[in-house]
Protein backbone atom coordinates (compact mmCIF):
# COMPACT_ATOMS: atom_id res chain seq x y z
CA MET A 1 -22.80 -2.54 14.64
CA SER A 2 -21.84 0.69 12.93
CA THR A 3 -21.00 1.01 9.24
CA TRP A 4 -17.40 1.90 10.06
CA SER A 5 -16.76 -1.23 12.09
CA THR A 6 -18.36 -3.36 9.39
CA CYS A 7 -16.11 -1.83 6.74
CA ALA A 8 -13.01 -1.97 8.91
CA ALA A 9 -13.53 -5.66 9.61
CA SER A 10 -13.39 -6.43 5.88
CA PHE A 11 -9.84 -5.09 5.36
CA PHE A 12 -7.01 -7.53 4.80
CA TYR A 13 -3.26 -7.27 4.30
CA ALA A 14 -1.41 -8.01 1.06
CA THR A 15 2.14 -7.15 0.10
CA PRO A 16 2.71 -5.04 -3.00
CA ALA A 17 4.12 -8.12 -4.76
CA GLU A 18 0.99 -10.13 -3.89
CA ALA A 19 -1.25 -7.33 -5.15
CA LYS A 20 0.74 -7.14 -8.40
CA GLN A 21 0.48 -10.90 -8.90
CA HIS A 22 -3.28 -10.83 -8.33
CA LEU A 23 -3.75 -7.93 -10.75
CA MET A 24 -1.71 -9.79 -13.37
CA GLU A 25 -3.93 -12.86 -12.91
CA LEU A 26 -7.06 -10.73 -13.29
CA THR A 27 -5.99 -8.61 -16.24
CA GLY A 28 -3.13 -10.43 -17.94
CA SER A 29 -1.00 -7.27 -18.15
CA LEU A 30 -0.15 -4.06 -16.35
CA LEU A 31 0.92 -0.78 -17.90
CA GLN A 32 2.86 0.28 -14.80
CA TYR A 33 3.09 -0.92 -11.21
CA GLU A 34 5.47 0.51 -8.62
CA GLU A 35 6.13 -1.82 -5.68
CA VAL A 36 8.11 0.92 -3.91
CA PRO A 37 6.39 4.31 -4.33
CA GLU A 38 8.41 7.51 -4.59
CA ALA A 39 6.65 9.19 -1.61
CA PRO A 40 9.21 11.98 -1.11
CA GLU A 41 7.21 13.70 1.65
CA TYR A 42 6.91 10.46 3.63
CA ARG A 43 10.60 9.67 3.27
CA GLN A 44 11.54 13.23 4.26
CA SER A 45 9.38 13.07 7.39
CA ARG A 46 10.87 9.68 8.33
CA THR A 47 14.40 11.08 7.95
CA GLN A 48 13.54 14.12 10.08
CA SER A 49 11.85 12.06 12.82
CA GLN A 50 14.80 9.67 13.03
CA GLY A 51 17.22 12.58 13.27
CA THR A 52 15.40 14.16 16.21
CA ALA A 53 14.79 10.98 18.21
C-alpha cells in the first residue's frame, strides 16, 4: 500500500461547528474562529460558473 493511500484512508469529515466544539474542549478558548470563511475568489468563481451554465 502506498503512503498516499494510507494517509487518504485516515481522513474524516467534520462540520465547522463540530471542529469548533472540539477545539473549545481541547483548549478552553478560541481567539477567533470563522465557520463561514470569506473566500472571495471561491465565491466569485461559483457565481461565474452558475451564470454560464
